[in-house]
Amino acid sequence: MGVLVLVAGCMTDSVMLVHPQTQLAAQCGPYYFTGASSGVFSKAAAMERERDCISDYQRQGYERR
């Protein structure tokens, strides 16, 4: 039953990024979260993983689409 709670959570939208020179595409997400207010499966943790992913690609020259 506890596993169903973890699996039945929500997810963030995926974010597409494209490098303007090479036209290579990258995707961040989707990242899954539960209704927990803290911890590795929280919405805040999912949003932080998404922000980190986007930042990493932007440092490499990728732009959000």
PDB file of N, CA and C in Angstrom:
ATOM      1  N   MET A   1       0.820  -1.183   0.000  1.00  0.00           N
ATOM      2  CA  MET A   1       0.000   0.000   0.000  1.00  0.00           C
ATOM      3  C   MET A   1       0.867   1.252   0.000  1.00  0.00           C
ATOM      4  N   GLY A   2       1.943   1.257   0.771  1.00  0.00           N
ATOM      5  CA  GLY A   2       2.842   2.408   0.820  1.00  0.00           C
ATOM      6  C   GLY A   2       3.492   2.687  -0.524  1.00  0.00           C
ATOM      7  N   VAL A   3       3.777   1.646  -1.282  1.00  0.00           N
ATOM      8  CA  VAL A   3       4.368   1.815  -2.611  1.00  0.00           C
ATOM      9  C   VAL A   3       3.382   2.511  -3.540  1.00  0.00           C
ATOM     10  N   LEU A   4       2.117   2.192  -3.409  1.00  0.00           N
ATOM     11  CA  LEU A   4       1.102   2.842  -4.243  1.00  0.00           C
ATOM     12  C   LEU A   4       1.054   4.341  -3.992  1.00  0.00           C
ATOM     13  N   VAL A   5       1.272   4.755  -2.760  1.00  0.00           N
ATOM     14  CA  VAL A   5       1.274   6.180  -2.438  1.00  0.00           C
ATOM     15  C   VAL A   5       2.429   6.867  -3.154  1.00  0.00           C
ATOM     16  N   LEU A   6       3.582   6.240  -3.177  1.00  0.00           N
ATOM     17  CA  LEU A   6       4.739   6.828  -3.865  1.00  0.00           C
ATOM     18  C   LEU A   6       4.534   6.872  -5.366  1.00  0.00           C
ATOM     19  N   VAL A   7       3.990   5.825  -5.933  1.00  0.00           N
ATOM     20  CA  VAL A   7       3.798   5.743  -7.374  1.00  0.00           C
ATOM     21  C   VAL A   7       2.654   6.643  -7.828  1.00  0.00           C
ATOM     22  N   ALA A   8       1.685   6.852  -6.986  1.00  0.00           N
ATOM     23  CA  ALA A   8       0.502   7.619  -7.369  1.00  0.00           C
ATOM     24  C   ALA A   8       0.699   9.124  -7.225  1.00  0.00           C
ATOM     25  N   GLY A   9       1.919   9.587  -7.140  1.00  0.00           N
ATOM     26  CA  GLY A   9       2.188  11.007  -6.998  1.00  0.00           C
ATOM     27  C   GLY A   9       2.003  11.766  -8.292  1.00  0.00           C
ATOM     28  N   CYS A  10       2.512  12.959  -8.297  1.00  0.00           N
ATOM     29  CA  CYS A  10       2.417  13.826  -9.465  1.00  0.00           C
ATOM     30  C   CYS A  10       3.791  13.984 -10.097  1.00  0.00           C
ATOM     31  N   MET A  11       3.843  14.781 -11.160  1.00  0.00           N
ATOM     32  CA  MET A  11       5.131  15.025 -11.788  1.00  0.00           C
ATOM     33  C   MET A  11       5.170  16.444 -12.338  1.00  0.00           C
ATOM     34  N   THR A  12       6.384  16.958 -12.462  1.00  0.00           N
ATOM     35  CA  THR A  12       6.571  18.269 -13.068  1.00  0.00           C
ATOM     36  C   THR A  12       6.496  18.112 -14.582  1.00  0.00           C
ATOM     37  N   ASP A  13       6.275  19.198 -15.273  1.00  0.00           N
ATOM     38  CA  ASP A  13       6.323  19.166 -16.735  1.00  0.00           C
ATOM     39  C   ASP A  13       7.766  19.004 -17.170  1.00  0.00           C
ATOM     40  N   SER A  14       7.974  18.421 -18.328  1.00  0.00           N
ATOM     41  CA  SER A  14       9.339  18.359 -18.852  1.00  0.00           C
ATOM     42  C   SER A  14       9.646  19.695 -19.529  1.00  0.00           C
ATOM     43  N   VAL A  15      10.916  20.048 -19.550  1.00  0.00           N
ATOM     44  CA  VAL A  15      11.377  21.295 -20.147  1.00  0.00           C
ATOM     45  C   VAL A  15      12.358  20.948 -21.267  1.00  0.00           C
ATOM     46  N   MET A  16      12.097  21.480 -22.444  1.00  0.00           N
ATOM     47  CA  MET A  16      12.979  21.243 -23.588  1.00  0.00           C
ATOM     48  C   MET A  16      13.930  22.422 -23.734  1.00  0.00           C
ATOM     49  N   LEU A  17      15.188  22.095 -24.024  1.00  0.00           N
ATOM     50  CA  LEU A  17      16.204  23.096 -24.278  1.00  0.00           C
ATOM     51  C   LEU A  17      16.893  22.746 -25.593  1.00  0.00           C
ATOM     52  N   VAL A  18      17.325  23.768 -26.321  1.00  0.00           N
ATOM     53  CA  VAL A  18      17.992  23.553 -27.609  1.00  0.00           C
ATOM     54  C   VAL A  18      19.243  24.410 -27.640  1.00  0.00           C
ATOM     55  N   HIS A  19      20.332  23.819 -28.142  1.00  0.00           N
ATOM     56  CA  HIS A  19      21.568  24.582 -28.306  1.00  0.00           C
ATOM     57  C   HIS A  19      21.457  25.343 -29.629  1.00  0.00           C
ATOM     58  N   PRO A  20      21.583  26.674 -29.618  1.00  0.00           N
ATOM     59  CA  PRO A  20      21.348  27.465 -30.828  1.00  0.00           C
ATOM     60  C   PRO A  20      22.332  27.195 -31.973  1.00  0.00           C
ATOM     61  N   GLN A  21      23.537  26.755 -31.655  1.00  0.00           N
ATOM     62  CA  GLN A  21      24.524  26.515 -32.712  1.00  0.00           C
ATOM     63  C   GLN A  21      24.434  25.106 -33.278  1.00  0.00           C
ATOM     64  N   THR A  22      24.283  24.125 -32.411  1.00  0.00           N
ATOM     65  CA  THR A  22      24.291  22.733 -32.862  1.00  0.00           C
ATOM     66  C   THR A  22      22.887  22.189 -33.125  1.00  0.00           C
ATOM     67  N   GLN A  23      21.872  22.881 -32.600  1.00  0.00           N
ATOM     68  CA  GLN A  23      20.472  22.450 -32.676  1.00  0.00           C
ATOM     69  C   GLN A  23      20.216  21.135 -31.934  1.00  0.00           C
ATOM     70  N   LEU A  24      21.147  20.739 -31.084  1.00  0.00           N
ATOM     71  CA  LEU A  24      20.918  19.560 -30.250  1.00  0.00           C
ATOM     72  C   LEU A  24      19.883  19.895 -29.186  1.00  0.00           C
ATOM     73  N   ALA A  25      18.991  18.958 -28.938  1.00  0.00           N
ATOM     74  CA  ALA A  25      17.944  19.158 -27.941  1.00  0.00           C
ATOM     75  C   ALA A  25      18.267  18.384 -26.670  1.00  0.00           C
ATOM     76  N   ALA A  26      17.809  18.926 -25.554  1.00  0.00           N
ATOM     77  CA  ALA A  26      17.960  18.273 -24.257  1.00  0.00           C
ATOM     78  C   ALA A  26      16.645  18.412 -23.515  1.00  0.00           C
ATOM     79  N   GLN A  27      16.381  17.462 -22.655  1.00  0.00           N
ATOM     80  CA  GLN A  27      15.129  17.480 -21.885  1.00  0.00           C
ATOM     81  C   GLN A  27      15.437  17.348 -20.412  1.00  0.00           C
ATOM     82  N   CYS A  28      14.794  18.184 -19.612  1.00  0.00           N
ATOM     83  CA  CYS A  28      14.866  18.076 -18.157  1.00  0.00           C
ATOM     84  C   CYS A  28      13.484  17.654 -17.673  1.00  0.00           C
ATOM     85  N   GLY A  29      13.433  16.556 -16.968  1.00  0.00           N
ATOM     86  CA  GLY A  29      12.170  16.099 -16.415  1.00  0.00           C
ATOM     87  C   GLY A  29      11.464  15.136 -17.346  1.00  0.00           C
ATOM     88  N   PRO A  30      10.321  14.706 -16.977  1.00  0.00           N
ATOM     89  CA  PRO A  30       9.575  15.123 -15.793  1.00  0.00           C
ATOM     90  C   PRO A  30      10.159  14.504 -14.520  1.00  0.00           C
ATOM     91  N   TYR A  31       9.964  15.197 -13.420  1.00  0.00           N
ATOM     92  CA  TYR A  31      10.412  14.732 -12.116  1.00  0.00           C
ATOM     93  C   TYR A  31       9.170  14.433 -11.285  1.00  0.00           C
ATOM     94  N   TYR A  32       9.177  13.294 -10.633  1.00  0.00           N
ATOM     95  CA  TYR A  32       8.009  12.823  -9.896  1.00  0.00           C
ATOM     96  C   TYR A  32       8.080  13.240  -8.432  1.00  0.00           C
ATOM     97  N   PHE A  33       6.912  13.497  -7.849  1.00  0.00           N
ATOM     98  CA  PHE A  33       6.842  13.840  -6.433  1.00  0.00           C
ATOM     99  C   PHE A  33       5.532  13.321  -5.853  1.00  0.00           C
ATOM    100  N   THR A  34       5.506  13.232  -4.534  1.00  0.00           N
ATOM    101  CA  THR A  34       4.303  12.805  -3.822  1.00  0.00           C
ATOM    102  C   THR A  34       3.752  14.000  -3.058  1.00  0.00           C
ATOM    103  N   GLY A  35       2.760  13.768  -2.282  1.00  0.00           N
ATOM    104  CA  GLY A  35       2.175  14.827  -1.468  1.00  0.00           C
ATOM    105  C   GLY A  35       2.991  15.154  -0.234  1.00  0.00           C
ATOM    106  N   ALA A  36       4.123  14.474  -0.044  1.00  0.00           N
ATOM    107  CA  ALA A  36       4.953  14.732   1.132  1.00  0.00           C
ATOM    108  C   ALA A  36       5.463  16.166   1.099  1.00  0.00           C
ATOM    109  N   SER A  37       5.499  16.808   2.262  1.00  0.00           N
ATOM    110  CA  SER A  37       5.922  18.205   2.317  1.00  0.00           C
ATOM    111  C   SER A  37       7.442  18.353   2.365  1.00  0.00           C
ATOM    112  N   SER A  38       8.156  17.279   2.645  1.00  0.00           N
ATOM    113  CA  SER A  38       9.617  17.348   2.668  1.00  0.00           C
ATOM    114  C   SER A  38      10.186  15.983   2.287  1.00  0.00           C
ATOM    115  N   GLY A  39      11.468  15.965   2.022  1.00  0.00           N
ATOM    116  CA  GLY A  39      12.132  14.725   1.670  1.00  0.00           C
ATOM    117  C   GLY A  39      12.405  14.619   0.182  1.00  0.00           C
ATOM    118  N   VAL A  40      13.004  13.512  -0.194  1.00  0.00           N
ATOM    119  CA  VAL A  40      13.454  13.304  -1.568  1.00  0.00           C
ATOM    120  C   VAL A  40      12.300  13.217  -2.557  1.00  0.00           C
ATOM    121  N   PHE A  41      11.106  12.891  -2.104  1.00  0.00           N
ATOM    122  CA  PHE A  41       9.954  12.760  -2.995  1.00  0.00           C
ATOM    123  C   PHE A  41       9.002  13.957  -2.904  1.00  0.00           C
ATOM    124  N   SER A  42       9.459  15.063  -2.311  1.00  0.00           N
ATOM    125  CA  SER A  42       8.597  16.231  -2.176  1.00  0.00           C
ATOM    126  C   SER A  42       8.575  17.048  -3.465  1.00  0.00           C
ATOM    127  N   LYS A  43       7.565  17.882  -3.598  1.00  0.00           N
ATOM    128  CA  LYS A  43       7.466  18.751  -4.772  1.00  0.00           C
ATOM    129  C   LYS A  43       8.636  19.717  -4.816  1.00  0.00           C
ATOM    130  N   ALA A  44       9.064  20.222  -3.664  1.00  0.00           N
ATOM    131  CA  ALA A  44      10.200  21.145  -3.612  1.00  0.00           C
ATOM    132  C   ALA A  44      11.471  20.469  -4.128  1.00  0.00           C
ATOM    133  N   ALA A  45      11.688  19.211  -3.776  1.00  0.00           N
ATOM    134  CA  ALA A  45      12.864  18.484  -4.247  1.00  0.00           C
ATOM    135  C   ALA A  45      12.796  18.261  -5.756  1.00  0.00           C
ATOM    136  N   ALA A  46      11.604  17.956  -6.275  1.00  0.00           N
ATOM    137  CA  ALA A  46      11.439  17.760  -7.719  1.00  0.00           C
ATOM    138  C   ALA A  46      11.719  19.054  -8.463  1.00  0.00           C
ATOM    139  N   MET A  47      11.223  20.162  -7.933  1.00  0.00           N
ATOM    140  CA  MET A  47      11.449  21.447  -8.586  1.00  0.00           C
ATOM    141  C   MET A  47      12.918  21.849  -8.529  1.00  0.00           C
ATOM    142  N   GLU A  48      13.598  21.505  -7.450  1.00  0.00           N
ATOM    143  CA  GLU A  48      15.033  21.796  -7.342  1.00  0.00           C
ATOM    144  C   GLU A  48      15.834  20.981  -8.360  1.00  0.00           C
ATOM    145  N   ARG A  49      15.475  19.707  -8.530  1.00  0.00           N
ATOM    146  CA  ARG A  49      16.162  18.879  -9.532  1.00  0.00           C
ATOM    147  C   ARG A  49      15.951  19.462 -10.924  1.00  0.00           C
ATOM    148  N   GLU A  50      14.726  19.933 -11.203  1.00  0.00           N
ATOM    149  CA  GLU A  50      14.443  20.532 -12.498  1.00  0.00           C
ATOM    150  C   GLU A  50      15.275  21.812 -12.700  1.00  0.00           C
ATOM    151  N   ARG A  51      15.303  22.674 -11.687  1.00  0.00           N
ATOM    152  CA  ARG A  51      16.098  23.916 -11.773  1.00  0.00           C
ATOM    153  C   ARG A  51      17.565  23.614 -12.007  1.00  0.00           C
ATOM    154  N   ASP A  52      18.098  22.624 -11.287  1.00  0.00           N
ATOM    155  CA  ASP A  52      19.506  22.251 -11.441  1.00  0.00           C
ATOM    156  C   ASP A  52      19.791  21.751 -12.852  1.00  0.00           C
ATOM    157  N   CYS A  53      18.903  20.930 -13.383  1.00  0.00           N
ATOM    158  CA  CYS A  53      19.071  20.399 -14.733  1.00  0.00           C
ATOM    159  C   CYS A  53      19.072  21.540 -15.754  1.00  0.00           C
ATOM    160  N   ILE A  54      18.095  22.430 -15.651  1.00  0.00           N
ATOM    161  CA  ILE A  54      18.005  23.557 -16.581  1.00  0.00           C
ATOM    162  C   ILE A  54      19.250  24.428 -16.484  1.00  0.00           C
ATOM    163  N   SER A  55      19.685  24.718 -15.287  1.00  0.00           N
ATOM    164  CA  SER A  55      20.883  25.548 -15.087  1.00  0.00           C
ATOM    165  C   SER A  55      22.119  24.913 -15.704  1.00  0.00           C
ATOM    166  N   ASP A  56      22.261  23.602 -15.529  1.00  0.00           N
ATOM    167  CA  ASP A  56      23.419  22.896 -16.103  1.00  0.00           C
ATOM    168  C   ASP A  56      23.444  23.056 -17.620  1.00  0.00           C
ATOM    169  N   TYR A  57      22.314  22.862 -18.265  1.00  0.00           N
ATOM    170  CA  TYR A  57      22.270  22.987 -19.721  1.00  0.00           C
ATOM    171  C   TYR A  57      22.450  24.434 -20.166  1.00  0.00           C
ATOM    172  N   GLN A  58      21.895  25.385 -19.435  1.00  0.00           N
ATOM    173  CA  GLN A  58      22.055  26.792 -19.809  1.00  0.00           C
ATOM    174  C   GLN A  58      23.511  27.221 -19.711  1.00  0.00           C
ATOM    175  N   ARG A  59      24.255  26.695 -18.750  1.00  0.00           N
ATOM    176  CA  ARG A  59      25.696  26.992 -18.647  1.00  0.00           C
ATOM    177  C   ARG A  59      26.448  26.471 -19.872  1.00  0.00           C
ATOM    178  N   GLN A  60      25.884  25.447 -20.516  1.00  0.00           N
ATOM    179  CA  GLN A  60      26.510  24.879 -21.716  1.00  0.00           C
ATOM    180  C   GLN A  60      26.029  25.573 -22.996  1.00  0.00           C
ATOM    181  N   GLY A  61      25.184  26.597 -22.858  1.00  0.00           N
ATOM    182  CA  GLY A  61      24.732  27.363 -24.009  1.00  0.00           C
ATOM    183  C   GLY A  61      23.343  27.017 -24.511  1.00  0.00           C
ATOM    184  N   TYR A  62      22.678  26.075 -23.879  1.00  0.00           N
ATOM    185  CA  TYR A  62      21.326  25.695 -24.302  1.00  0.00           C
ATOM    186  C   TYR A  62      20.334  26.788 -23.902  1.00  0.00           C
ATOM    187  N   GLU A  63      19.248  26.883 -24.654  1.00  0.00           N
ATOM    188  CA  GLU A  63      18.186  27.847 -24.372  1.00  0.00           C
ATOM    189  C   GLU A  63      16.859  27.109 -24.272  1.00  0.00           C
ATOM    190  N   ARG A  64      15.991  27.598 -23.363  1.00  0.00           N
ATOM    191  CA  ARG A  64      14.666  26.990 -23.206  1.00  0.00           C
ATOM    192  C   ARG A  64      13.820  27.239 -24.427  1.00  0.00           C
ATOM    193  N   ARG A  65      13.007  26.275 -24.795  1.00  0.00           N
ATOM    194  CA  ARG A  65      12.051  26.409 -25.920  1.00  0.00           C
ATOM    195  C   ARG A  65      10.660  26.207 -25.401  1.00  0.00           C
TER     196      ARG A  65
END
